[in-house]
Amino acid sequence: MRRPWVPRFAPTKTPAYRRRVAAIRIDTRDLPLLRVEWPDGVSTGDIDAHFEEMAILLSGRARVGVLMNVRAALFMPAGHRKRIAERIAELAKRGLASRVVAVAHVTSSHVAKGVLTAVYWLAPPPFPTRVFGTLAEGERWVRSVLEADE
């Protein structure tokens, strides 16, 4: 007798804002602090998926702070940086970027720190950003901005 077919992966009932999206992970366990893990080698599709996920999260929240761990991202092509700027602009047009209180980027690379600082100096996002060398420093700053925003 044959056993009935059962799907190996049952559909999840986990809300979209708690699922892992593409290669970029968003941890929502410590809201209003969002922890984002940005790995090396993300694609444009990964970037788009990340910003769609952020749009979902921001539409359901009052205000958030973002701790973005980019230590594993060793290189980001100019096309990716341009796409990120476009997606931030799209969030701003939709009125969602105003819900971001602060973004702390964490990297141990001096080159990455310089690139992030230069990019945001040339094209400032609609929320405060800073670059830190450790997660603890970045989290401390984001939490202080969140507290001041209350």
N, C-alpha and C. Protein backbone atom coordinates (compact mmCIF):
# COMPACT_ATOMS: atom_id res chain seq x y z
N MET A 1 0.83 -1.18 0.00
CA MET A 1 0.00 0.00 0.00
C MET A 1 0.88 1.24 0.00
N ARG A 2 0.57 2.18 -0.89
CA ARG A 2 1.34 3.41 -0.99
C ARG A 2 0.89 4.41 0.05
N ARG A 3 1.85 5.10 0.57
CA ARG A 3 1.52 6.15 1.53
C ARG A 3 1.08 7.38 0.75
N PRO A 4 0.14 8.13 1.31
CA PRO A 4 -0.30 9.35 0.62
C PRO A 4 0.83 10.37 0.55
N TRP A 5 0.79 11.17 -0.50
CA TRP A 5 1.80 12.20 -0.67
C TRP A 5 1.57 13.30 0.35
N VAL A 6 2.62 13.68 1.01
CA VAL A 6 2.56 14.76 2.00
C VAL A 6 3.65 15.75 1.63
N PRO A 7 3.33 17.04 1.54
CA PRO A 7 4.37 18.00 1.20
C PRO A 7 5.46 18.01 2.25
N ARG A 8 6.70 18.11 1.80
CA ARG A 8 7.82 18.13 2.74
C ARG A 8 7.87 19.41 3.55
N PHE A 9 7.43 20.48 2.96
CA PHE A 9 7.44 21.76 3.66
C PHE A 9 6.03 22.29 3.71
N ALA A 10 5.42 22.19 4.85
CA ALA A 10 4.06 22.68 5.01
C ALA A 10 4.06 24.21 4.97
N PRO A 11 2.99 24.81 4.44
CA PRO A 11 2.92 26.27 4.45
C PRO A 11 3.04 26.81 5.87
N THR A 12 3.74 27.88 6.00
CA THR A 12 3.97 28.46 7.32
C THR A 12 2.86 29.43 7.68
N LYS A 13 2.57 29.51 8.95
CA LYS A 13 1.62 30.50 9.44
C LYS A 13 2.35 31.66 10.09
N THR A 14 3.67 31.64 9.95
CA THR A 14 4.48 32.72 10.50
C THR A 14 4.20 33.98 9.71
N PRO A 15 3.90 35.09 10.37
CA PRO A 15 3.66 36.33 9.64
C PRO A 15 4.87 36.72 8.78
N ALA A 16 4.60 37.43 7.70
CA ALA A 16 5.67 37.82 6.77
C ALA A 16 6.79 38.57 7.45
N TYR A 17 6.47 39.38 8.45
CA TYR A 17 7.53 40.18 9.07
C TYR A 17 8.44 39.38 9.97
N ARG A 18 8.18 38.09 10.15
CA ARG A 18 9.07 37.27 10.98
C ARG A 18 9.84 36.25 10.14
N ARG A 19 9.58 36.20 8.84
CA ARG A 19 10.26 35.26 7.97
C ARG A 19 11.59 35.82 7.49
N ARG A 20 12.50 34.93 7.17
CA ARG A 20 13.77 35.33 6.59
C ARG A 20 13.52 35.66 5.13
N VAL A 21 14.05 36.78 4.68
CA VAL A 21 13.86 37.20 3.31
C VAL A 21 15.18 37.12 2.57
N ALA A 22 15.17 36.39 1.46
CA ALA A 22 16.34 36.29 0.60
C ALA A 22 17.59 36.03 1.44
N ALA A 23 18.65 36.72 1.12
CA ALA A 23 19.90 36.51 1.84
C ALA A 23 20.04 37.45 3.03
N ILE A 24 19.24 38.50 3.04
CA ILE A 24 19.35 39.53 4.08
C ILE A 24 18.34 39.20 5.18
N ARG A 25 18.84 39.03 6.40
CA ARG A 25 17.96 38.63 7.50
C ARG A 25 17.57 39.83 8.34
N ILE A 26 16.28 39.86 8.72
CA ILE A 26 15.77 40.92 9.59
C ILE A 26 15.25 40.25 10.86
N ASP A 27 15.79 40.65 11.99
CA ASP A 27 15.37 40.11 13.28
C ASP A 27 14.47 41.14 13.96
N THR A 28 13.21 40.75 14.21
CA THR A 28 12.23 41.67 14.80
C THR A 28 11.95 41.36 16.26
N ARG A 29 12.76 40.51 16.89
CA ARG A 29 12.46 40.09 18.26
C ARG A 29 12.63 41.20 19.30
N ASP A 30 13.32 42.27 18.93
CA ASP A 30 13.63 43.32 19.91
C ASP A 30 13.04 44.67 19.47
N LEU A 31 11.84 44.63 18.91
CA LEU A 31 11.20 45.87 18.43
C LEU A 31 11.09 46.88 19.56
N PRO A 32 11.29 48.13 19.28
CA PRO A 32 11.37 48.81 17.99
C PRO A 32 12.76 48.80 17.36
N LEU A 33 13.68 47.99 17.87
CA LEU A 33 15.00 47.85 17.27
C LEU A 33 14.96 46.70 16.27
N LEU A 34 15.26 46.99 15.02
CA LEU A 34 15.38 45.96 13.99
C LEU A 34 16.85 45.64 13.80
N ARG A 35 17.18 44.37 13.85
CA ARG A 35 18.56 43.94 13.61
C ARG A 35 18.62 43.32 12.22
N VAL A 36 19.49 43.85 11.39
CA VAL A 36 19.59 43.38 10.00
C VAL A 36 20.99 42.81 9.80
N GLU A 37 21.05 41.59 9.26
CA GLU A 37 22.31 40.94 8.92
C GLU A 37 22.45 40.97 7.41
N TRP A 38 23.44 41.70 6.92
CA TRP A 38 23.65 41.88 5.49
C TRP A 38 24.88 41.07 5.09
N PRO A 39 24.70 39.93 4.42
CA PRO A 39 25.85 39.08 4.07
C PRO A 39 26.57 39.59 2.82
N ASP A 40 27.67 38.95 2.50
CA ASP A 40 28.39 39.28 1.28
C ASP A 40 27.70 38.62 0.09
N GLY A 41 27.82 39.24 -1.05
CA GLY A 41 27.33 38.62 -2.28
C GLY A 41 25.83 38.70 -2.50
N VAL A 42 25.16 39.70 -1.95
CA VAL A 42 23.72 39.81 -2.19
C VAL A 42 23.48 40.23 -3.64
N SER A 43 22.32 39.84 -4.15
CA SER A 43 21.94 40.19 -5.51
C SER A 43 21.00 41.39 -5.48
N THR A 44 20.73 41.95 -6.65
CA THR A 44 19.75 43.03 -6.74
C THR A 44 18.39 42.53 -6.28
N GLY A 45 18.07 41.27 -6.59
CA GLY A 45 16.82 40.68 -6.13
C GLY A 45 16.75 40.60 -4.62
N ASP A 46 17.88 40.29 -3.99
CA ASP A 46 17.94 40.26 -2.52
C ASP A 46 17.68 41.65 -1.95
N ILE A 47 18.26 42.66 -2.58
CA ILE A 47 18.06 44.04 -2.13
C ILE A 47 16.60 44.43 -2.26
N ASP A 48 15.99 44.10 -3.41
CA ASP A 48 14.57 44.41 -3.60
C ASP A 48 13.70 43.69 -2.58
N ALA A 49 13.99 42.41 -2.34
CA ALA A 49 13.21 41.64 -1.36
C ALA A 49 13.36 42.24 0.04
N HIS A 50 14.57 42.68 0.37
CA HIS A 50 14.81 43.29 1.68
C HIS A 50 13.97 44.56 1.84
N PHE A 51 13.96 45.40 0.84
CA PHE A 51 13.20 46.65 0.96
C PHE A 51 11.69 46.42 0.92
N GLU A 52 11.23 45.38 0.25
CA GLU A 52 9.80 45.04 0.32
C GLU A 52 9.45 44.58 1.73
N GLU A 53 10.32 43.79 2.32
CA GLU A 53 10.11 43.34 3.70
C GLU A 53 10.12 44.53 4.66
N MET A 54 11.04 45.46 4.44
CA MET A 54 11.09 46.66 5.28
C MET A 54 9.81 47.48 5.13
N ALA A 55 9.28 47.57 3.91
CA ALA A 55 8.03 48.30 3.69
C ALA A 55 6.89 47.68 4.48
N ILE A 56 6.84 46.35 4.51
CA ILE A 56 5.81 45.65 5.29
C ILE A 56 5.98 45.96 6.77
N LEU A 57 7.21 45.87 7.25
CA LEU A 57 7.48 46.14 8.67
C LEU A 57 7.14 47.58 9.04
N LEU A 58 7.55 48.51 8.21
CA LEU A 58 7.34 49.93 8.52
C LEU A 58 5.87 50.32 8.44
N SER A 59 5.11 49.67 7.59
CA SER A 59 3.69 50.02 7.48
C SER A 59 2.91 49.59 8.72
N GLY A 60 3.47 48.67 9.49
CA GLY A 60 2.79 48.19 10.68
C GLY A 60 3.35 48.72 11.98
N ARG A 61 4.32 49.61 11.92
CA ARG A 61 4.98 50.12 13.12
C ARG A 61 4.90 51.63 13.18
N ALA A 62 5.00 52.13 14.38
CA ALA A 62 5.05 53.58 14.56
C ALA A 62 6.45 54.08 14.17
N ARG A 63 7.47 53.72 14.92
CA ARG A 63 8.84 54.16 14.65
C ARG A 63 9.79 53.02 14.98
N VAL A 64 10.86 52.90 14.21
CA VAL A 64 11.87 51.86 14.45
C VAL A 64 13.27 52.45 14.31
N GLY A 65 14.22 51.77 14.94
CA GLY A 65 15.63 52.03 14.75
C GLY A 65 16.24 50.78 14.14
N VAL A 66 17.23 50.95 13.29
CA VAL A 66 17.81 49.81 12.57
C VAL A 66 19.29 49.69 12.91
N LEU A 67 19.67 48.48 13.31
CA LEU A 67 21.07 48.14 13.55
C LEU A 67 21.47 47.22 12.40
N MET A 68 22.25 47.75 11.45
CA MET A 68 22.57 47.02 10.24
C MET A 68 24.00 46.50 10.31
N ASN A 69 24.13 45.20 10.44
CA ASN A 69 25.44 44.55 10.51
C ASN A 69 25.91 44.24 9.09
N VAL A 70 26.85 45.03 8.60
CA VAL A 70 27.37 44.83 7.24
C VAL A 70 28.82 44.35 7.27
N ARG A 71 29.24 43.77 8.40
CA ARG A 71 30.63 43.33 8.53
C ARG A 71 30.98 42.22 7.54
N ALA A 72 30.01 41.40 7.16
CA ALA A 72 30.29 40.31 6.23
C ALA A 72 30.27 40.76 4.77
N ALA A 73 29.70 41.91 4.50
CA ALA A 73 29.62 42.42 3.13
C ALA A 73 30.96 43.03 2.75
N LEU A 74 31.76 42.26 2.03
CA LEU A 74 33.12 42.69 1.71
C LEU A 74 33.17 43.68 0.56
N PHE A 75 32.22 43.57 -0.37
CA PHE A 75 32.24 44.44 -1.54
C PHE A 75 30.80 44.67 -2.00
N MET A 76 30.50 45.90 -2.38
CA MET A 76 29.18 46.21 -2.92
C MET A 76 29.36 47.01 -4.20
N PRO A 77 28.94 46.42 -5.32
CA PRO A 77 29.11 47.12 -6.60
C PRO A 77 28.31 48.43 -6.64
N ALA A 78 28.73 49.32 -7.51
CA ALA A 78 28.07 50.63 -7.64
C ALA A 78 26.59 50.46 -7.99
N GLY A 79 26.25 49.46 -8.80
CA GLY A 79 24.85 49.22 -9.16
C GLY A 79 24.00 48.88 -7.95
N HIS A 80 24.57 48.14 -7.00
CA HIS A 80 23.85 47.80 -5.78
C HIS A 80 23.65 49.04 -4.92
N ARG A 81 24.70 49.85 -4.80
CA ARG A 81 24.57 51.08 -4.01
C ARG A 81 23.50 52.00 -4.61
N LYS A 82 23.47 52.07 -5.93
CA LYS A 82 22.46 52.89 -6.61
C LYS A 82 21.07 52.34 -6.34
N ARG A 83 20.91 51.01 -6.40
CA ARG A 83 19.60 50.40 -6.16
C ARG A 83 19.13 50.65 -4.73
N ILE A 84 20.03 50.59 -3.77
CA ILE A 84 19.68 50.87 -2.38
C ILE A 84 19.18 52.31 -2.25
N ALA A 85 19.89 53.25 -2.87
CA ALA A 85 19.46 54.65 -2.82
C ALA A 85 18.07 54.81 -3.45
N GLU A 86 17.83 54.12 -4.56
CA GLU A 86 16.51 54.19 -5.21
C GLU A 86 15.42 53.63 -4.30
N ARG A 87 15.71 52.52 -3.64
CA ARG A 87 14.70 51.90 -2.77
C ARG A 87 14.43 52.76 -1.53
N ILE A 88 15.46 53.41 -1.00
CA ILE A 88 15.24 54.33 0.13
C ILE A 88 14.36 55.49 -0.32
N ALA A 89 14.62 55.99 -1.52
CA ALA A 89 13.79 57.08 -2.07
C ALA A 89 12.34 56.63 -2.25
N GLU A 90 12.14 55.37 -2.68
CA GLU A 90 10.78 54.84 -2.83
C GLU A 90 10.08 54.78 -1.47
N LEU A 91 10.79 54.33 -0.44
CA LEU A 91 10.19 54.30 0.90
C LEU A 91 9.80 55.71 1.34
N ALA A 92 10.65 56.68 1.02
CA ALA A 92 10.36 58.07 1.39
C ALA A 92 9.11 58.56 0.67
N LYS A 93 8.98 58.24 -0.61
CA LYS A 93 7.80 58.66 -1.38
C LYS A 93 6.52 58.05 -0.82
N ARG A 94 6.63 56.84 -0.31
CA ARG A 94 5.47 56.16 0.26
C ARG A 94 5.20 56.60 1.70
N GLY A 95 6.03 57.49 2.22
CA GLY A 95 5.85 58.00 3.57
C GLY A 95 6.31 57.04 4.65
N LEU A 96 7.06 56.00 4.26
CA LEU A 96 7.48 55.00 5.23
C LEU A 96 8.85 55.30 5.83
N ALA A 97 9.70 56.00 5.11
CA ALA A 97 11.05 56.29 5.61
C ALA A 97 11.00 57.18 6.85
N SER A 98 9.94 57.95 6.99
CA SER A 98 9.82 58.82 8.17
C SER A 98 9.61 58.01 9.45
N ARG A 99 9.30 56.74 9.31
CA ARG A 99 9.13 55.87 10.48
C ARG A 99 10.45 55.29 10.98
N VAL A 100 11.52 55.54 10.23
CA VAL A 100 12.84 55.09 10.65
C VAL A 100 13.49 56.23 11.44
N VAL A 101 13.77 55.97 12.69
CA VAL A 101 14.35 56.98 13.59
C VAL A 101 15.85 57.12 13.36
N ALA A 102 16.53 56.00 13.14
CA ALA A 102 17.98 56.02 12.95
C ALA A 102 18.43 54.69 12.37
N VAL A 103 19.55 54.74 11.63
CA VAL A 103 20.18 53.52 11.11
C VAL A 103 21.65 53.56 11.47
N ALA A 104 22.10 52.52 12.16
CA ALA A 104 23.52 52.37 12.49
C ALA A 104 24.08 51.23 11.64
N HIS A 105 25.10 51.54 10.86
CA HIS A 105 25.80 50.51 10.08
C HIS A 105 27.01 50.08 10.89
N VAL A 106 27.23 48.79 10.96
CA VAL A 106 28.38 48.27 11.71
C VAL A 106 29.30 47.53 10.76
N THR A 107 30.53 47.99 10.69
CA THR A 107 31.54 47.35 9.86
C THR A 107 32.90 47.54 10.51
N SER A 108 33.76 46.55 10.32
CA SER A 108 35.12 46.67 10.85
C SER A 108 36.08 47.16 9.76
N SER A 109 35.58 47.31 8.55
CA SER A 109 36.41 47.75 7.44
C SER A 109 36.47 49.27 7.36
N HIS A 110 37.67 49.81 7.39
CA HIS A 110 37.84 51.25 7.29
C HIS A 110 37.40 51.74 5.90
N VAL A 111 37.63 50.92 4.88
CA VAL A 111 37.21 51.28 3.53
C VAL A 111 35.68 51.36 3.47
N ALA A 112 35.00 50.36 4.04
CA ALA A 112 33.53 50.37 4.04
C ALA A 112 32.99 51.57 4.82
N LYS A 113 33.63 51.88 5.94
CA LYS A 113 33.21 53.06 6.71
C LYS A 113 33.31 54.31 5.87
N GLY A 114 34.42 54.45 5.15
CA GLY A 114 34.61 55.61 4.29
C GLY A 114 33.60 55.67 3.17
N VAL A 115 33.32 54.51 2.55
CA VAL A 115 32.34 54.46 1.46
C VAL A 115 30.96 54.84 1.97
N LEU A 116 30.53 54.26 3.08
CA LEU A 116 29.21 54.58 3.63
C LEU A 116 29.10 56.05 4.00
N THR A 117 30.12 56.58 4.64
CA THR A 117 30.12 57.99 5.01
C THR A 117 30.03 58.87 3.78
N ALA A 118 30.81 58.55 2.74
CA ALA A 118 30.80 59.35 1.52
C ALA A 118 29.46 59.26 0.79
N VAL A 119 28.91 58.05 0.69
CA VAL A 119 27.62 57.86 0.00
C VAL A 119 26.54 58.67 0.70
N TYR A 120 26.49 58.60 2.02
CA TYR A 120 25.44 59.32 2.75
C TYR A 120 25.69 60.82 2.81
N TRP A 121 26.94 61.23 2.63
CA TRP A 121 27.23 62.65 2.56
C TRP A 121 26.74 63.20 1.22
N LEU A 122 26.96 62.42 0.15
CA LEU A 122 26.54 62.85 -1.19
C LEU A 122 25.03 62.74 -1.39
N ALA A 123 24.43 61.69 -0.85
CA ALA A 123 22.98 61.46 -1.00
C ALA A 123 22.40 61.12 0.36
N PRO A 124 22.16 62.13 1.19
CA PRO A 124 21.70 61.86 2.55
C PRO A 124 20.31 61.21 2.57
N PRO A 125 20.17 60.13 3.34
CA PRO A 125 18.85 59.52 3.49
C PRO A 125 17.97 60.38 4.39
N PRO A 126 16.66 60.12 4.39
CA PRO A 126 15.74 60.95 5.18
C PRO A 126 15.71 60.59 6.66
N PHE A 127 16.74 59.93 7.16
CA PHE A 127 16.83 59.57 8.58
C PHE A 127 18.31 59.64 8.97
N PRO A 128 18.60 59.83 10.25
CA PRO A 128 20.00 59.89 10.69
C PRO A 128 20.70 58.54 10.52
N THR A 129 21.93 58.59 10.06
CA THR A 129 22.74 57.38 9.92
C THR A 129 24.12 57.65 10.49
N ARG A 130 24.71 56.59 11.03
CA ARG A 130 26.09 56.66 11.51
C ARG A 130 26.74 55.32 11.26
N VAL A 131 28.05 55.31 11.19
CA VAL A 131 28.82 54.08 10.97
C VAL A 131 29.64 53.81 12.22
N PHE A 132 29.59 52.55 12.68
CA PHE A 132 30.28 52.14 13.91
C PHE A 132 31.16 50.93 13.65
N GLY A 133 32.12 50.72 14.53
CA GLY A 133 33.01 49.57 14.42
C GLY A 133 32.52 48.33 15.15
N THR A 134 31.60 48.51 16.12
CA THR A 134 31.10 47.35 16.87
C THR A 134 29.57 47.40 16.96
N LEU A 135 29.00 46.22 17.14
CA LEU A 135 27.55 46.14 17.31
C LEU A 135 27.10 46.86 18.57
N ALA A 136 27.89 46.75 19.63
CA ALA A 136 27.52 47.39 20.90
C ALA A 136 27.43 48.90 20.75
N GLU A 137 28.40 49.51 20.06
CA GLU A 137 28.38 50.96 19.85
C GLU A 137 27.17 51.37 19.00
N GLY A 138 26.93 50.62 17.94
CA GLY A 138 25.80 50.93 17.07
C GLY A 138 24.47 50.79 17.79
N GLU A 139 24.32 49.72 18.55
CA GLU A 139 23.07 49.50 19.28
C GLU A 139 22.86 50.60 20.33
N ARG A 140 23.92 50.97 21.03
CA ARG A 140 23.82 52.02 22.05
C ARG A 140 23.31 53.32 21.41
N TRP A 141 23.85 53.68 20.24
CA TRP A 141 23.43 54.91 19.56
C TRP A 141 21.97 54.83 19.09
N VAL A 142 21.60 53.71 18.46
CA VAL A 142 20.22 53.57 17.97
C VAL A 142 19.24 53.64 19.14
N ARG A 143 19.55 52.95 20.23
CA ARG A 143 18.65 52.98 21.39
C ARG A 143 18.54 54.39 21.97
N SER A 144 19.64 55.13 21.99
CA SER A 144 19.57 56.50 22.52
C SER A 144 18.70 57.39 21.63
N VAL A 145 18.78 57.20 20.32
CA VAL A 145 17.95 57.99 19.41
C VAL A 145 16.47 57.58 19.56
N LEU A 146 16.22 56.29 19.72
CA LEU A 146 14.85 55.82 19.93
C LEU A 146 14.27 56.41 21.23
N GLU A 147 15.07 56.40 22.30
CA GLU A 147 14.60 56.96 23.57
C GLU A 147 14.31 58.44 23.46
N ALA A 148 15.16 59.17 22.75
CA ALA A 148 14.96 60.61 22.58
C ALA A 148 13.74 60.91 21.71
N ASP A 149 13.35 59.95 20.87
CA ASP A 149 12.21 60.13 19.97
C ASP A 149 10.87 59.91 20.67
N GLU A 150 10.90 59.25 21.82
CA GLU A 150 9.64 58.92 22.51
C GLU A 150 8.91 60.12 23.02
